[in-house]
Amino acid sequence: MKLSRLARIALLLFLLSLFPSPLSPSCPAAQAKEAPQLTVYFPNWNVYIAGDGQVKDLPWQRLDCIHHAFWKIVSSGDGYAIVSTDPWADTNANNPKAHFPQYARLTKQYPKVRVLLSIGGWTCCGLFSRMASTPEGRASFIQSCVDTLRAYPFLSGIDVDWEYPGVARTGSGRDEGNPVDGDDFVNYTLLLKEMRAAFDASFGKDQKQITVCAATPTEVLSHQDYASLFPYVNRIHLMTYDMTGAYEAQTGHHTALYGPVSVDTAVKYLQGKGVPAAKIAIGTPLYSHGWKYTADSDDPLYAPAVGLSDGGSELWRDLQAIEKQAVPAGAPGWHAGYDGQAQAAYLWNDDPASPAYRYFYTYESERSLDAKLRYIHQHSLGGIVVWQSGGDDSQAGWPMLNRIYQAFHP
């Protein structure tokens, strides 16, 4: 039977639809690449900060992911469970500022924003190694995570903030430290593998995310088996800050992009273990570390110094105000420095009449942040993680968070 021209065209289109071309959206190789993601930590203690301390105060329209910090591991019967470090701040029905009811409401309003529950943190890692050392311990912890995700459906997953597997540290007071009670190198991977299997079985494949934190120094990273664990996680968040601090006897950079201990060295280490670039996110701090340098200097970077009593921890919004006061070389006062090799910013004061005389701060400036954002694009990384939301200037329109979001979603 002879077909008309229109019929032949219709038949051809039908046949082509059965065999997607390499450019077809249904072809995995042609799927759109996910833009880098902006993740911000929101610690539950922000509720005690006047003004910007509630979940509703966050710039939801400029975020991709929120990590709610922190919950912790506790012994429960013969196993382990996760609980809030501050139930009043997180879930108490009698608290009008409680975070979780606000998450439940706002995730409906902003469904593209993921909220992950962060377990651990620097002071709450005391039971991680013991829990992960046995199949029964891991199973009880994972079941508690599953139960929590079911109880709070707005949660998109779990952020395992174990600082750090295989690296023993003694705690004191409320700081649990990080005792090593087994072969963390092996057990950490088993924990993540079993979490992934349980989440997929409970909620559907890839419906709940798993992220982990990681240190910057390669000697710390070497205690974890990233070559084996990366398939089970959605992101590895490099904590590319706190590379130096007031405990050192000289000034330096705590969030350098380049150098012996830096963003670049940590990223290259993970990639050398086979971790895909898209699974690596780097960190930016909205706070400083600081010292008082011990002798006059035209530029006291790497100068002998004594750490400030409070560690020199100032919020970014206050550092920005200092930066705006900076004076030219030769005039006494605050000066803004920039290390072009490390791509890192710093401030120092050389005015003998100032209460801040010889103060030195290492911090993230808009310029050094821009260098990191370019690095993320150049190396096709998965994004950036911010510690923490309270350091930005909400009254000025969240300039740092907005800067990141616009760079990822122009």
Protein backbone atom coordinates (compact mmCIF):
# COMPACT_ATOMS: atom_id res chain seq x y z
CA MET A 1 0.00 0.00 0.00
CA LYS A 2 1.34 3.41 -0.99
CA LEU A 3 1.45 5.89 1.89
CA SER A 4 0.87 9.58 1.53
CA ARG A 5 3.73 11.97 2.28
CA LEU A 6 2.17 12.97 5.64
CA ALA A 7 1.65 9.33 6.55
CA ARG A 8 5.29 8.52 5.73
CA ILE A 9 6.47 11.41 7.93
CA ALA A 10 4.23 10.27 10.78
CA LEU A 11 5.55 6.71 10.49
CA LEU A 12 9.15 7.95 10.48
CA LEU A 13 8.62 10.04 13.60
CA PHE A 14 7.01 7.07 15.33
CA LEU A 15 9.96 4.82 14.50
CA LEU A 16 12.46 7.44 15.66
CA SER A 17 10.64 7.72 18.96
CA LEU A 18 11.38 4.07 19.63
CA PHE A 19 15.15 4.62 19.40
CA PRO A 20 16.24 7.72 21.33
CA SER A 21 19.15 9.57 19.82
CA PRO A 22 22.32 10.27 21.85
CA LEU A 23 20.94 13.77 22.43
CA SER A 24 17.55 12.61 23.67
CA PRO A 25 16.69 13.63 27.25
CA SER A 26 15.92 9.98 27.99
CA CYS A 27 19.54 9.08 27.34
CA PRO A 28 21.52 9.11 30.65
CA ALA A 29 24.60 10.60 28.98
CA ALA A 30 22.57 13.61 27.91
CA GLN A 31 20.84 14.31 31.22
CA ALA A 32 21.25 17.87 32.44
CA LYS A 33 24.10 18.28 34.88
CA GLU A 34 22.99 19.48 38.32
CA ALA A 35 24.19 22.97 39.15
CA PRO A 36 26.56 23.29 42.11
CA GLN A 37 24.62 23.36 45.36
CA LEU A 38 24.63 25.92 48.17
CA THR A 39 24.37 24.18 51.53
CA VAL A 40 24.21 26.16 54.76
CA TYR A 41 24.43 24.86 58.30
CA PHE A 42 21.75 26.07 60.70
CA PRO A 43 22.64 25.15 64.31
CA ASN A 44 19.75 24.78 66.72
CA TRP A 45 21.36 27.15 69.22
CA ASN A 46 20.62 30.03 66.85
CA VAL A 47 17.20 30.17 68.52
CA TYR A 48 18.89 31.98 71.40
CA ILE A 49 20.24 34.71 69.09
CA ALA A 50 18.04 37.77 68.87
CA GLY A 51 16.86 38.76 65.41
CA ASP A 52 17.95 35.97 63.06
CA GLY A 53 17.64 32.87 65.19
CA GLN A 54 14.72 31.08 63.60
CA VAL A 55 14.36 28.83 60.59
CA LYS A 56 11.83 31.24 59.12
CA ASP A 57 14.49 33.98 59.05
CA LEU A 58 16.66 32.11 56.53
CA PRO A 59 16.67 33.29 52.89
CA TRP A 60 14.89 30.17 51.64
CA GLN A 61 14.59 31.43 48.08
CA ARG A 62 18.42 31.55 47.86
CA LEU A 63 19.25 28.12 49.30
CA ASP A 64 19.57 24.62 47.88
CA CYS A 65 20.08 22.71 51.11
CA ILE A 66 19.99 23.32 54.87
CA HIS A 67 21.88 21.11 57.31
CA HIS A 68 20.19 21.27 60.68
CA ALA A 69 22.78 20.88 63.45
CA PHE A 70 23.06 19.00 65.66
CA TRP A 71 21.56 15.74 66.82
CA LYS A 72 23.72 13.18 68.61
CA ILE A 73 24.05 9.46 69.29
CA VAL A 74 22.95 8.04 72.67
CA SER A 75 22.88 4.53 74.08
CA SER A 76 19.39 3.03 73.86
CA GLY A 77 18.69 -0.40 75.26
CA ASP A 78 21.15 -2.77 73.63
CA GLY A 79 21.82 -0.35 70.78
CA TYR A 80 21.95 3.29 69.79
CA ALA A 81 19.56 6.07 68.83
CA ILE A 82 19.75 9.65 67.62
CA VAL A 83 18.29 12.49 69.67
CA SER A 84 18.31 16.26 69.50
CA THR A 85 20.99 18.13 71.41
CA ASP A 86 18.25 20.66 72.29
CA PRO A 87 14.71 19.24 72.09
CA TRP A 88 13.18 22.53 73.28
CA ALA A 89 14.76 24.40 70.38
CA ASP A 90 14.00 21.70 67.80
CA THR A 91 10.72 19.95 68.48
CA ASN A 92 8.99 21.17 71.65
CA ALA A 93 5.33 21.88 70.86
CA ASN A 94 5.22 24.53 73.60
CA ASN A 95 8.03 26.54 71.99
CA PRO A 96 6.61 28.95 69.38
CA LYS A 97 10.13 29.27 67.92
CA ALA A 98 10.73 25.52 67.59
CA HIS A 99 12.62 24.76 64.42
CA PHE A 100 10.96 21.57 63.17
CA PRO A 101 7.41 22.95 62.84
CA GLN A 102 8.89 25.80 60.84
CA TYR A 103 10.77 23.36 58.58
CA ALA A 104 7.54 21.42 58.01
CA ARG A 105 5.75 24.56 56.88
CA LEU A 106 8.55 26.14 54.84
CA THR A 107 9.58 23.00 52.94
CA LYS A 108 6.03 22.96 51.54
CA GLN A 109 6.44 26.57 50.47
CA TYR A 110 9.94 25.93 49.05
CA PRO A 111 9.85 22.28 47.93
CA LYS A 112 13.19 22.49 46.09
CA VAL A 113 15.09 23.21 49.30
CA ARG A 114 16.39 20.05 50.97
CA VAL A 115 16.76 19.80 54.75
CA LEU A 116 19.19 17.22 56.12
CA LEU A 117 19.65 16.33 59.78
CA SER A 118 23.29 16.57 60.90
CA ILE A 119 24.42 13.98 63.43
CA GLY A 120 27.54 14.65 65.47
CA GLY A 121 29.63 17.78 65.16
CA TRP A 122 32.89 18.48 66.97
CA THR A 123 31.54 17.90 70.49
CA CYS A 124 29.13 14.97 69.92
CA CYS A 125 31.21 12.19 68.35
CA GLY A 126 31.84 10.11 71.45
CA LEU A 127 29.79 7.06 70.42
CA PHE A 128 30.35 6.95 66.66
CA SER A 129 33.25 4.51 66.66
CA ARG A 130 31.71 2.14 69.22
CA MET A 131 28.37 2.17 67.39
CA ALA A 132 30.02 1.48 64.02
CA SER A 133 32.21 -1.33 65.34
CA THR A 134 29.48 -4.03 65.30
CA PRO A 135 26.70 -4.98 62.87
CA GLU A 136 24.17 -4.74 65.69
CA GLY A 137 25.33 -1.26 66.68
CA ARG A 138 25.17 0.00 63.11
CA ALA A 139 21.75 -1.56 62.57
CA SER A 140 20.25 0.10 65.65
CA PHE A 141 21.67 3.51 64.71
CA ILE A 142 20.43 3.20 61.13
CA GLN A 143 16.96 2.12 62.29
CA SER A 144 16.80 5.21 64.52
CA CYS A 145 17.72 7.36 61.50
CA VAL A 146 14.98 5.68 59.44
CA ASP A 147 12.45 6.19 62.24
CA THR A 148 13.40 9.87 62.51
CA LEU A 149 13.08 10.41 58.75
CA ARG A 150 9.63 8.82 58.89
CA ALA A 151 8.61 10.94 61.87
CA TYR A 152 9.68 14.15 60.08
CA PRO A 153 8.90 13.68 56.37
CA PHE A 154 10.28 17.13 55.49
CA LEU A 155 13.79 15.76 56.12
CA SER A 156 15.60 14.84 52.90
CA GLY A 157 18.26 12.72 54.56
CA ILE A 158 21.06 12.46 57.09
CA ASP A 159 24.38 14.29 57.28
CA VAL A 160 26.94 12.12 59.09
CA ASP A 161 29.14 14.69 60.80
CA TRP A 162 31.64 12.30 62.41
CA GLU A 163 34.78 14.29 63.25
CA TYR A 164 36.75 12.16 62.38
CA PRO A 165 36.79 8.36 61.85
CA GLY A 166 40.08 6.85 62.96
CA VAL A 167 41.39 10.05 64.54
CA ALA A 168 41.37 9.68 68.32
CA ARG A 169 40.73 12.78 70.40
CA THR A 170 40.11 13.13 74.13
CA GLY A 171 37.18 15.28 75.15
CA SER A 172 36.45 17.24 78.29
CA GLY A 173 33.29 18.59 79.88
CA ARG A 174 30.48 18.61 77.34
CA ASP A 175 32.90 17.72 74.55
CA GLU A 176 32.69 13.94 74.10
CA GLY A 177 35.91 13.79 72.11
CA ASN A 178 36.34 11.09 69.48
CA PRO A 179 37.50 7.78 70.97
CA VAL A 180 38.48 5.06 68.50
CA ASP A 181 36.91 1.73 69.52
CA GLY A 182 37.39 -0.34 66.38
CA ASP A 183 38.66 -0.34 62.81
CA ASP A 184 37.06 2.93 61.73
CA PHE A 185 38.66 2.72 58.28
CA VAL A 186 36.55 -0.35 57.52
CA ASN A 187 33.56 0.28 59.74
CA TYR A 188 32.88 3.81 58.46
CA THR A 189 32.39 2.43 54.95
CA LEU A 190 30.20 -0.41 56.27
CA LEU A 191 28.05 2.11 58.15
CA LEU A 192 27.46 4.21 55.02
CA LYS A 193 26.89 1.16 52.81
CA GLU A 194 24.27 -0.21 55.21
CA MET A 195 22.65 3.21 55.61
CA ARG A 196 22.27 3.51 51.85
CA ALA A 197 20.71 0.04 51.60
CA ALA A 198 18.30 0.76 54.47
CA PHE A 199 17.26 4.17 53.15
CA ASP A 200 16.64 2.79 49.66
CA ALA A 201 14.63 -0.12 51.06
CA SER A 202 12.58 2.12 53.35
CA PHE A 203 11.92 5.13 51.11
CA GLY A 204 12.76 4.10 47.55
CA LYS A 205 16.02 4.21 45.69
CA ASP A 206 17.87 7.52 46.14
CA GLN A 207 14.85 9.17 47.78
CA LYS A 208 16.82 10.08 50.92
CA GLN A 209 20.29 11.60 50.82
CA ILE A 210 23.41 10.79 52.81
CA THR A 211 26.20 13.33 53.13
CA VAL A 212 29.39 13.25 55.20
CA CYS A 213 31.87 15.81 56.45
CA ALA A 214 35.60 15.53 55.87
CA ALA A 215 38.67 17.33 57.18
CA THR A 216 41.11 19.30 55.03
CA PRO A 217 44.54 17.87 56.01
CA THR A 218 45.38 14.79 53.99
CA GLU A 219 46.83 13.08 57.07
CA VAL A 220 43.30 13.15 58.54
CA LEU A 221 41.60 12.16 55.28
CA SER A 222 43.89 9.11 55.05
CA HIS A 223 42.11 7.58 58.06
CA GLN A 224 38.91 7.15 56.00
CA ASP A 225 38.45 4.89 52.95
CA TYR A 226 37.03 7.36 50.42
CA ALA A 227 37.82 5.06 47.51
CA SER A 228 35.29 2.59 48.93
CA LEU A 229 32.69 4.80 50.58
CA PHE A 230 31.95 7.44 47.95
CA PRO A 231 29.35 5.35 46.02
CA TYR A 232 27.07 5.38 49.07
CA VAL A 233 26.95 9.15 49.66
CA ASN A 234 25.54 12.09 47.74
CA ARG A 235 28.15 14.62 48.84
CA ILE A 236 31.43 14.73 50.72
CA HIS A 237 31.63 18.12 52.39
CA LEU A 238 35.22 19.20 52.87
CA MET A 239 35.49 21.38 55.94
CA THR A 240 38.00 23.68 54.31
CA TYR A 241 38.37 25.99 57.27
CA ASP A 242 40.08 25.88 60.70
CA MET A 243 43.32 25.05 58.88
CA THR A 244 45.06 27.16 61.49
CA GLY A 245 43.96 29.01 64.59
CA ALA A 246 44.84 30.73 67.83
CA TYR A 247 46.60 27.58 69.05
CA GLU A 248 49.42 28.27 66.56
CA ALA A 249 52.39 30.51 67.44
CA GLN A 250 52.12 32.52 64.26
CA THR A 251 49.44 34.09 62.11
CA GLY A 252 48.19 32.31 59.00
CA HIS A 253 45.21 31.40 56.80
CA HIS A 254 42.38 29.27 58.12
CA THR A 255 40.59 28.85 54.76
CA ALA A 256 43.22 29.04 52.00
CA LEU A 257 42.32 27.98 48.47
CA TYR A 258 45.92 27.03 47.61
CA GLY A 259 48.91 25.94 49.66
CA PRO A 260 50.31 22.89 51.49
CA VAL A 261 47.05 22.53 53.46
CA SER A 262 44.25 24.00 51.41
CA VAL A 263 41.07 23.49 49.43
CA ASP A 264 43.12 22.43 46.43
CA THR A 265 45.15 19.77 48.24
CA ALA A 266 42.03 18.24 49.82
CA VAL A 267 40.08 18.20 46.55
CA LYS A 268 42.99 16.59 44.71
CA TYR A 269 43.34 13.97 47.44
CA LEU A 270 39.70 12.89 47.10
CA GLN A 271 39.86 12.89 43.33
CA GLY A 272 42.99 10.76 43.57
CA LYS A 273 40.87 8.21 45.43
CA GLY A 274 38.37 8.15 42.57
CA VAL A 275 35.73 10.43 44.10
CA PRO A 276 33.79 12.16 41.28
CA ALA A 277 34.10 15.94 41.28
CA ALA A 278 30.31 16.32 41.47
CA LYS A 279 30.32 14.56 44.86
CA ILE A 280 32.83 16.98 46.39
CA ALA A 281 31.73 20.23 48.04
CA ILE A 282 34.14 22.67 49.66
CA GLY A 283 33.53 24.82 52.73
CA THR A 284 33.45 28.52 53.48
CA PRO A 285 33.46 29.98 57.01
CA LEU A 286 31.51 33.06 58.05
CA TYR A 287 33.82 33.62 61.03
CA SER A 288 37.48 34.33 61.73
CA HIS A 289 40.43 33.11 63.76
CA GLY A 290 42.72 35.66 65.34
CA TRP A 291 45.95 36.51 67.14
CA LYS A 292 47.89 39.41 68.56
CA TYR A 293 51.19 39.58 66.72
CA THR A 294 54.18 40.32 68.91
CA ALA A 295 56.21 42.90 66.98
CA ASP A 296 55.43 45.80 64.67
CA SER A 297 55.24 44.78 61.03
CA ASP A 298 54.22 46.31 57.72
CA ASP A 299 52.45 43.05 56.89
CA PRO A 300 52.22 40.54 59.77
CA LEU A 301 51.16 37.50 57.73
CA TYR A 302 53.01 34.48 59.19
CA ALA A 303 54.39 36.69 61.97
CA PRO A 304 55.02 35.41 65.53
CA ALA A 305 51.81 35.85 67.49
CA VAL A 306 49.76 34.83 70.53
CA GLY A 307 46.20 33.62 70.06
CA LEU A 308 43.45 35.93 71.22
CA SER A 309 41.67 34.77 74.37
CA ASP A 310 38.42 34.07 72.49
CA GLY A 311 40.27 32.45 69.61
CA GLY A 312 39.69 35.56 67.53
CA SER A 313 36.31 34.24 66.43
CA GLU A 314 34.37 37.14 64.94
CA LEU A 315 31.31 36.88 62.69
CA TRP A 316 31.70 37.73 59.03
CA ARG A 317 29.27 40.64 59.26
CA ASP A 318 31.50 42.26 61.91
CA LEU A 319 34.65 41.54 59.91
CA GLN A 320 33.05 43.16 56.88
CA ALA A 321 32.51 46.30 58.94
CA ILE A 322 36.21 46.28 59.89
CA GLU A 323 37.20 45.75 56.26
CA LYS A 324 35.24 48.84 55.27
CA GLN A 325 37.29 50.87 57.80
CA ALA A 326 40.60 49.79 56.25
CA VAL A 327 43.11 52.57 55.64
CA PRO A 328 45.96 52.82 53.09
CA ALA A 329 49.48 51.63 53.85
CA GLY A 330 51.34 54.17 55.97
CA ALA A 331 48.26 55.31 57.88
CA PRO A 332 47.61 53.77 61.31
CA GLY A 333 44.54 51.61 61.73
CA TRP A 334 42.95 48.54 60.20
CA HIS A 335 44.43 47.21 56.96
CA ALA A 336 42.94 44.67 54.56
CA GLY A 337 45.45 42.17 53.17
CA TYR A 338 45.11 39.60 50.43
CA ASP A 339 47.46 36.72 49.68
CA GLY A 340 47.23 36.26 45.93
CA GLN A 341 49.10 32.95 46.04
CA ALA A 342 46.86 31.35 48.67
CA GLN A 343 43.79 33.32 47.54
CA ALA A 344 43.03 34.18 51.15
CA ALA A 345 42.12 37.37 53.02
CA TYR A 346 43.24 38.84 56.34
CA LEU A 347 42.98 42.00 58.46
CA TRP A 348 45.44 43.61 60.87
CA ASN A 349 45.61 46.72 63.03
CA ASP A 350 48.80 48.78 63.52
CA ASP A 351 47.37 51.75 65.43
CA PRO A 352 49.03 51.96 68.89
CA ALA A 353 46.06 53.99 70.14
CA SER A 354 43.54 51.28 69.22
CA PRO A 355 42.28 48.63 71.68
CA ALA A 356 42.82 46.23 68.76
CA TYR A 357 46.49 47.16 68.31
CA ARG A 358 48.39 44.30 66.62
CA TYR A 359 45.23 42.22 66.15
CA PHE A 360 45.27 39.91 63.13
CA TYR A 361 42.24 38.10 61.70
CA THR A 362 42.13 35.39 59.04
CA TYR A 363 38.71 35.18 57.39
CA GLU A 364 36.71 34.77 54.17
CA SER A 365 36.23 38.00 52.25
CA GLU A 366 34.02 38.53 49.23
CA ARG A 367 37.17 38.42 47.08
CA SER A 368 38.43 35.12 48.49
CA LEU A 369 34.92 33.65 48.27
CA ASP A 370 34.78 34.60 44.59
CA ALA A 371 38.06 32.72 44.04
CA LYS A 372 36.46 29.61 45.58
CA LEU A 373 33.36 29.97 43.43
CA ARG A 374 35.53 30.16 40.30
CA TYR A 375 37.41 27.07 41.48
CA ILE A 376 34.15 25.16 41.91
CA HIS A 377 33.09 25.98 38.36
CA GLN A 378 36.53 25.30 36.88
CA HIS A 379 36.75 21.88 38.53
CA SER A 380 33.03 20.96 38.19
CA LEU A 381 32.65 20.43 41.94
CA GLY A 382 29.35 19.72 43.65
CA GLY A 383 29.08 23.01 45.48
CA ILE A 384 29.89 24.79 48.72
CA VAL A 385 28.90 24.34 52.36
CA VAL A 386 28.66 27.33 54.69
CA TRP A 387 29.32 27.33 58.42
CA GLN A 388 27.02 28.90 59.49
CA SER A 389 23.99 31.01 58.59
CA GLY A 390 24.29 33.26 61.65
CA GLY A 391 27.54 34.78 60.39
CA ASP A 392 25.99 36.46 57.37
CA ASP A 393 24.39 39.91 57.45
CA SER A 394 20.65 39.39 57.17
CA GLN A 395 19.97 43.12 57.49
CA ALA A 396 22.03 43.72 54.34
CA GLY A 397 20.22 41.03 52.34
CA TRP A 398 22.40 38.01 53.18
CA PRO A 399 25.29 39.18 50.94
CA MET A 400 27.48 36.08 51.22
CA LEU A 401 24.70 33.54 50.75
CA ASN A 402 23.26 35.62 47.94
CA ARG A 403 26.69 35.86 46.28
CA ILE A 404 27.03 32.09 46.28
CA TYR A 405 23.52 31.38 45.10
CA GLN A 406 23.79 33.81 42.19
CA ALA A 407 27.10 32.25 41.14
CA PHE A 408 25.47 28.81 41.01
CA HIS A 409 22.09 29.88 39.65
CA PRO A 410 22.70 32.95 37.45
